[in-house]
Amino acid sequence: MPTSARITHRRLPGLTAKVPLVPVNFTFGETQSYLLSHIAEFETIDYIYVSDAEGRLAGVFSIKEMYRHPPSANVSSIHKKTPLVTASLKSHPEEIAYLALRHGIKAVPVLDEQGKLLGVIPHDSINKTLYKELREDILHLAGVTRGHFAFDNIFEISLLRSVRHRLPWLIVGTLGGLVIAQIIGEYEQTLKDNLVLAAFIPLVVYIADAVGTQMEAFVIRDFALFRKLDFSRYFMRHLFIVLVIALLLGIIIAFTGFILYRRANIAFVLGLAVASSTLSALFSGLIIPLIFRKMNLDPANASGPLGTIIQDALSVSIYFTIASILL
């Protein structure tokens, strides 16, 4: 006889045990009768789950597949054809939503340590998780942190509160800009001797910022999806990727600089500065989000003024240090 999935405790939002679960020796005819007689008990029927003699989840099939076979056929004839995609009670809702998207399934079964079905995360819960994450990502891109979701409605909050929430980050950016201006001032003589260097400050800063922002997007996403991320391996992977990008960009900028100014020393400085500042983006794009994560703070904050200002200061310092040494 069919058994029922049982939830020992609810740690996952949307987890339900009210799903069809039939033994592996059932026929499709018996499964149809079971569904008809227990239809009111189910919260979702995205799939029909199959358990083996020990009660472990053995397979899964859809209602469409069930009606493609004669009633006398046994469910064991198809239940193993679909690879099992499962989660555990320790899985994060975002990981489960990612599994569903990656494998193109509507629901994800949750198993205990013995492989027995505890319940299912249905499609509506997966959609809610995806919507929530999409909304947060959009707000993060706009510079809005998690703490602002509930009360930063421009039509409801006071003018004073709105200014108080925005002004600190602008002050951080202003102070950072002053620091960068001071750094440039320290290399005044280098600029006087090679005025053309000033024209390339925005380019060097932009490229490093762009690489860092690109990396932040991957890192924040991967931190959310993979809770047991092997950071050392992850870091080395990004290091090799950024190293190749830095070398290619450095060569392109050096070649372009030489074509424009016909000065090999300036071209070499530009290429080396762009390559070095691009490589330094590993700090703002990878290390800062990691620090935020270790401090139990939202890593998406690293994509705001703090990461940008730090990266800009690094880029300018690297640029003029190389220029003052080589020119």
Protein backbone atom coordinates (compact mmCIF):
# COMPACT_ATOMS: atom_id res chain seq x y z
CA MET A 1 0.00 0.00 0.00
CA PRO A 2 1.11 3.58 -0.56
CA THR A 3 2.90 5.26 2.30
CA SER A 4 2.94 8.86 3.38
CA ALA A 5 5.95 11.11 3.57
CA ARG A 6 6.49 12.40 7.08
CA ILE A 7 8.18 15.62 8.09
CA THR A 8 10.17 15.39 11.31
CA HIS A 9 10.46 19.17 11.59
CA ARG A 10 9.90 22.13 9.27
CA ARG A 11 13.13 23.93 8.53
CA LEU A 12 12.37 24.58 4.90
CA PRO A 13 9.59 26.99 3.93
CA GLY A 14 6.93 25.36 1.77
CA LEU A 15 7.93 21.78 2.62
CA THR A 16 4.89 19.51 2.40
CA ALA A 17 4.45 15.79 2.97
CA LYS A 18 1.06 15.71 1.30
CA VAL A 19 2.23 14.27 -2.01
CA PRO A 20 1.54 10.93 -3.74
CA LEU A 21 4.01 8.22 -2.73
CA VAL A 22 3.54 4.67 -4.05
CA PRO A 23 5.53 1.45 -3.56
CA VAL A 24 7.74 0.18 -6.34
CA ASN A 25 5.55 -2.88 -6.96
CA PHE A 26 2.46 -0.79 -7.84
CA THR A 27 0.98 -0.86 -11.33
CA PHE A 28 -0.11 2.26 -13.17
CA GLY A 29 -3.72 1.19 -12.74
CA GLU A 30 -3.29 0.92 -8.98
CA THR A 31 -1.56 4.29 -8.97
CA GLN A 32 -4.49 5.89 -10.82
CA SER A 33 -6.96 4.42 -8.35
CA TYR A 34 -4.81 5.62 -5.46
CA LEU A 35 -4.71 9.16 -6.83
CA LEU A 36 -8.48 9.28 -7.38
CA SER A 37 -9.33 8.00 -3.92
CA HIS A 38 -6.85 10.28 -2.08
CA ILE A 39 -6.95 13.38 -4.31
CA ALA A 40 -8.29 15.60 -1.51
CA GLU A 41 -5.32 14.76 0.73
CA PHE A 42 -2.63 16.09 -1.58
CA GLU A 43 -1.34 19.66 -1.55
CA THR A 44 0.50 19.18 -4.82
CA ILE A 45 0.68 16.52 -7.54
CA ASP A 46 3.55 17.76 -9.70
CA TYR A 47 5.05 14.26 -9.57
CA ILE A 48 4.35 10.80 -8.20
CA TYR A 49 7.11 9.45 -6.00
CA VAL A 50 8.12 5.81 -5.69
CA SER A 51 9.54 4.13 -2.57
CA ASP A 52 11.43 0.84 -2.38
CA ALA A 53 10.89 -2.03 0.09
CA GLU A 54 12.96 -0.21 2.77
CA GLY A 55 10.94 3.00 2.37
CA ARG A 56 13.71 4.92 0.55
CA LEU A 57 12.89 7.13 -2.40
CA ALA A 58 13.52 4.99 -5.47
CA GLY A 59 12.17 7.10 -8.30
CA VAL A 60 9.73 9.67 -9.61
CA PHE A 61 7.45 10.10 -12.62
CA SER A 62 4.86 12.57 -13.85
CA ILE A 63 1.15 12.08 -14.41
CA LYS A 64 1.76 12.50 -18.15
CA GLU A 65 4.15 9.54 -18.07
CA MET A 66 1.65 7.48 -16.10
CA TYR A 67 -1.03 7.77 -18.79
CA ARG A 68 1.42 6.82 -21.54
CA HIS A 69 1.60 3.25 -20.19
CA PRO A 70 -1.03 0.52 -19.92
CA PRO A 71 -2.70 0.15 -16.49
CA SER A 72 -1.20 -3.31 -16.06
CA ALA A 73 2.40 -2.08 -16.41
CA ASN A 74 4.48 -1.73 -13.26
CA VAL A 75 5.77 1.68 -12.16
CA SER A 76 9.23 0.12 -11.87
CA SER A 77 9.37 0.15 -15.68
CA ILE A 78 9.88 3.93 -15.79
CA HIS A 79 10.61 5.23 -12.30
CA LYS A 80 14.38 4.88 -12.69
CA LYS A 81 14.57 6.52 -16.11
CA THR A 82 14.41 10.01 -14.55
CA PRO A 83 17.54 10.89 -12.51
CA LEU A 84 16.70 11.71 -8.92
CA VAL A 85 17.27 15.35 -7.98
CA THR A 86 16.92 15.70 -4.22
CA ALA A 87 17.64 18.02 -1.30
CA SER A 88 18.03 17.63 2.46
CA LEU A 89 16.68 19.51 5.45
CA LYS A 90 20.01 21.34 5.59
CA SER A 91 19.62 22.68 2.05
CA HIS A 92 19.03 26.39 1.64
CA PRO A 93 15.85 27.48 -0.22
CA GLU A 94 18.02 29.23 -2.81
CA GLU A 95 19.96 26.04 -3.47
CA ILE A 96 16.71 24.13 -3.97
CA ALA A 97 15.37 26.76 -6.37
CA TYR A 98 18.65 26.57 -8.29
CA LEU A 99 18.34 22.77 -8.51
CA ALA A 100 14.82 23.08 -9.90
CA LEU A 101 15.92 25.59 -12.54
CA ARG A 102 19.06 23.69 -13.47
CA HIS A 103 17.25 20.39 -14.01
CA GLY A 104 13.99 21.83 -15.35
CA ILE A 105 11.74 20.27 -12.70
CA LYS A 106 8.68 21.67 -10.95
CA ALA A 107 9.28 20.26 -7.45
CA VAL A 108 12.24 19.01 -5.43
CA PRO A 109 11.93 16.08 -2.96
CA VAL A 110 13.58 16.41 0.46
CA LEU A 111 15.13 13.27 1.94
CA ASP A 112 16.39 12.32 5.38
CA GLU A 113 19.80 10.76 6.02
CA GLN A 114 18.44 7.28 5.20
CA GLY A 115 17.09 8.43 1.85
CA LYS A 116 13.44 8.40 2.92
CA LEU A 117 11.08 11.06 1.62
CA LEU A 118 10.32 13.75 4.19
CA GLY A 119 8.37 15.96 1.86
CA VAL A 120 8.54 18.05 -1.28
CA ILE A 121 9.26 21.71 -2.04
CA PRO A 122 6.52 22.43 -4.62
CA HIS A 123 6.68 24.79 -7.57
CA ASP A 124 4.84 27.67 -5.87
CA SER A 125 7.40 27.77 -3.04
CA ILE A 126 10.25 27.61 -5.56
CA ASN A 127 8.72 30.51 -7.49
CA LYS A 128 8.39 32.56 -4.29
CA THR A 129 12.06 31.98 -3.50
CA LEU A 130 13.10 32.97 -7.01
CA TYR A 131 10.92 36.10 -6.88
CA LYS A 132 12.34 37.08 -3.50
CA GLU A 133 15.93 36.64 -4.69
CA LEU A 134 15.24 38.53 -7.94
CA ARG A 135 13.70 41.40 -5.96
CA GLU A 136 16.67 41.52 -3.58
CA ASP A 137 19.15 41.43 -6.47
CA ILE A 138 17.41 44.34 -8.18
CA LEU A 139 17.41 46.34 -4.95
CA HIS A 140 21.08 45.52 -4.35
CA LEU A 141 21.93 46.79 -7.81
CA ALA A 142 20.20 50.03 -6.82
CA GLY A 143 22.29 50.23 -3.65
CA VAL A 144 19.47 49.25 -1.29
CA THR A 145 20.39 46.90 1.56
CA ARG A 146 18.24 44.22 3.18
CA GLY A 147 17.43 46.47 6.12
CA HIS A 148 15.71 48.99 3.88
CA PHE A 149 13.14 46.65 2.35
CA ALA A 150 10.47 47.22 4.93
CA PHE A 151 10.55 50.98 5.42
CA ASP A 152 12.31 52.91 2.66
CA ASN A 153 9.15 53.77 0.74
CA ILE A 154 9.80 57.23 -0.72
CA PHE A 155 6.10 58.13 -0.41
CA GLU A 156 5.83 57.11 3.24
CA ILE A 157 9.08 57.89 5.06
CA SER A 158 10.01 61.39 6.16
CA LEU A 159 12.44 63.61 4.31
CA LEU A 160 14.86 63.48 7.24
CA ARG A 161 14.89 59.67 7.34
CA SER A 162 15.36 59.43 3.59
CA VAL A 163 18.38 61.75 3.76
CA ARG A 164 19.77 59.90 6.79
CA HIS A 165 19.68 56.57 4.92
CA ARG A 166 21.39 57.90 1.81
CA LEU A 167 23.85 60.51 3.07
CA PRO A 168 26.31 58.22 4.95
CA TRP A 169 27.18 56.27 1.79
CA LEU A 170 27.66 59.51 -0.13
CA ILE A 171 29.95 60.77 2.63
CA VAL A 172 31.97 57.54 2.35
CA GLY A 173 32.30 58.16 -1.39
CA THR A 174 33.27 61.81 -0.82
CA LEU A 175 35.96 60.92 1.72
CA GLY A 176 37.24 58.22 -0.59
CA GLY A 177 37.43 60.73 -3.43
CA LEU A 178 39.45 63.09 -1.24
CA VAL A 179 41.84 60.28 -0.38
CA ILE A 180 42.29 59.47 -4.06
CA ALA A 181 42.91 63.14 -4.83
CA GLN A 182 45.59 63.16 -2.12
CA ILE A 183 47.19 60.07 -3.65
CA ILE A 184 47.34 61.74 -7.06
CA GLY A 185 48.80 64.85 -5.44
CA GLU A 186 51.69 62.80 -4.11
CA TYR A 187 52.72 62.10 -7.71
CA GLU A 188 52.49 65.71 -8.89
CA GLN A 189 56.02 65.75 -10.29
CA THR A 190 55.43 62.55 -12.25
CA LEU A 191 52.32 64.12 -13.78
CA LYS A 192 54.19 67.33 -14.64
CA ASP A 193 56.88 65.38 -16.44
CA ASN A 194 54.37 63.15 -18.26
CA LEU A 195 51.10 65.06 -18.55
CA VAL A 196 49.65 62.42 -20.88
CA LEU A 197 49.27 60.10 -17.87
CA ALA A 198 46.38 62.20 -16.59
CA ALA A 199 44.31 61.36 -19.66
CA PHE A 200 44.42 57.66 -18.82
CA ILE A 201 43.41 57.86 -15.13
CA PRO A 202 39.68 57.28 -15.89
CA LEU A 203 40.52 54.32 -18.14
CA VAL A 204 42.73 52.55 -15.58
CA VAL A 205 40.16 53.13 -12.82
CA TYR A 206 37.21 52.07 -14.97
CA ILE A 207 38.72 48.80 -16.19
CA ALA A 208 39.60 47.66 -12.67
CA ASP A 209 36.15 48.68 -11.39
CA ALA A 210 34.45 46.83 -14.24
CA VAL A 211 36.40 43.62 -13.59
CA GLY A 212 35.75 43.90 -9.85
CA THR A 213 32.01 44.49 -10.35
CA GLN A 214 31.82 41.55 -12.74
CA MET A 215 33.50 39.33 -10.17
CA GLU A 216 31.28 40.57 -7.34
CA ALA A 217 28.19 39.49 -9.27
CA PHE A 218 29.53 35.93 -9.59
CA VAL A 219 30.80 35.79 -6.01
CA ILE A 220 27.59 37.05 -4.37
CA ARG A 221 25.53 34.66 -6.48
CA ASP A 222 27.80 31.70 -5.72
CA PHE A 223 27.90 32.48 -1.99
CA ALA A 224 24.10 32.32 -2.01
CA LEU A 225 23.85 29.11 -4.03
CA PHE A 226 26.76 27.10 -2.65
CA ARG A 227 26.92 27.14 1.14
CA LYS A 228 29.86 24.72 1.26
CA LEU A 229 31.99 26.53 -1.29
CA ASP A 230 35.66 25.46 -1.40
CA PHE A 231 37.01 29.00 -1.26
CA SER A 232 40.67 28.18 -1.95
CA ARG A 233 39.76 26.33 -5.16
CA TYR A 234 37.23 29.03 -6.00
CA PHE A 235 39.86 31.76 -5.48
CA MET A 236 42.43 30.00 -7.68
CA ARG A 237 39.86 29.62 -10.45
CA HIS A 238 39.09 33.35 -10.39
CA LEU A 239 42.81 34.14 -10.12
CA PHE A 240 43.62 32.34 -13.37
CA ILE A 241 40.64 33.91 -15.16
CA VAL A 242 41.50 37.45 -14.02
CA LEU A 243 45.18 36.88 -14.80
CA VAL A 244 44.37 36.03 -18.42
CA ILE A 245 42.00 39.00 -18.68
CA ALA A 246 44.63 41.32 -17.14
CA LEU A 247 47.31 40.20 -19.61
CA LEU A 248 45.02 40.61 -22.62
CA LEU A 249 43.79 44.05 -21.52
CA GLY A 250 47.35 45.14 -20.73
CA ILE A 251 48.55 44.16 -24.20
CA ILE A 252 45.60 45.88 -25.88
CA ILE A 253 46.05 49.13 -23.92
CA ALA A 254 49.85 49.13 -24.43
CA PHE A 255 49.45 48.62 -28.18
CA THR A 256 46.79 51.35 -28.39
CA GLY A 257 48.89 53.76 -26.33
CA PHE A 258 51.88 53.23 -28.57
CA ILE A 259 49.79 53.84 -31.72
CA LEU A 260 48.42 57.08 -30.25
CA TYR A 261 51.56 58.58 -28.73
CA ARG A 262 54.49 56.71 -30.34
CA ARG A 263 56.22 56.48 -26.96
CA ALA A 264 57.20 52.96 -25.94
CA ASN A 265 57.78 53.88 -22.29
CA ILE A 266 54.31 55.42 -21.92
CA ALA A 267 52.72 52.46 -23.67
CA PHE A 268 54.54 50.02 -21.39
CA VAL A 269 53.49 51.93 -18.25
CA LEU A 270 49.86 52.01 -19.40
CA GLY A 271 49.81 48.31 -20.22
CA LEU A 272 51.49 47.28 -16.98
CA ALA A 273 49.25 49.59 -14.91
CA VAL A 274 46.06 48.27 -16.49
CA ALA A 275 47.16 44.65 -16.04
CA SER A 276 48.20 45.23 -12.41
CA SER A 277 45.08 47.19 -11.42
CA THR A 278 42.89 44.57 -13.10
CA LEU A 279 44.61 41.86 -11.09
CA SER A 280 44.08 43.92 -7.92
CA ALA A 281 40.32 43.71 -8.56
CA LEU A 282 40.52 40.29 -6.91
CA PHE A 283 40.56 42.17 -3.61
CA SER A 284 37.47 44.31 -4.13
CA GLY A 285 35.61 41.69 -6.13
CA LEU A 286 36.44 38.57 -4.13
CA ILE A 287 38.08 39.28 -0.77
CA ILE A 288 35.74 42.06 0.38
CA PRO A 289 32.58 39.96 -0.20
CA LEU A 290 34.28 37.12 1.69
CA ILE A 291 35.03 39.43 4.64
CA PHE A 292 31.40 40.58 4.65
CA ARG A 293 30.27 36.96 4.63
CA LYS A 294 32.60 36.01 7.50
CA MET A 295 31.18 38.92 9.52
CA ASN A 296 27.63 37.62 8.85
CA LEU A 297 26.84 40.75 6.84
CA ASP A 298 25.16 40.84 3.46
CA PRO A 299 27.97 40.39 0.86
CA ALA A 300 25.97 42.48 -1.63
CA ASN A 301 26.98 45.56 0.37
CA ALA A 302 30.48 45.03 -1.02
CA SER A 303 29.22 46.16 -4.44
CA GLY A 304 28.48 49.63 -3.01
CA PRO A 305 30.70 52.60 -2.28
CA LEU A 306 33.13 50.71 -0.03
CA GLY A 307 34.32 48.26 -2.70
CA THR A 308 34.36 50.94 -5.39
CA ILE A 309 36.39 53.45 -3.38
CA ILE A 310 38.90 50.84 -2.23
CA GLN A 311 39.37 49.63 -5.79
CA ASP A 312 39.73 53.19 -7.14
CA ALA A 313 42.40 53.97 -4.55
CA LEU A 314 44.25 50.76 -5.40
CA SER A 315 44.11 51.46 -9.13
CA VAL A 316 45.38 55.03 -8.83
CA SER A 317 48.16 54.01 -6.43
CA ILE A 318 49.29 51.19 -8.71
CA TYR A 319 49.16 53.42 -11.80
CA PHE A 320 51.30 56.23 -10.42
CA THR A 321 53.68 53.96 -8.54
CA ILE A 322 54.52 52.17 -11.79
CA ALA A 323 54.76 55.49 -13.64
CA SER A 324 57.08 57.08 -11.07
CA ILE A 325 59.39 54.04 -11.11
CA LEU A 326 59.58 53.55 -14.88
CA LEU A 327 59.40 57.12 -16.19
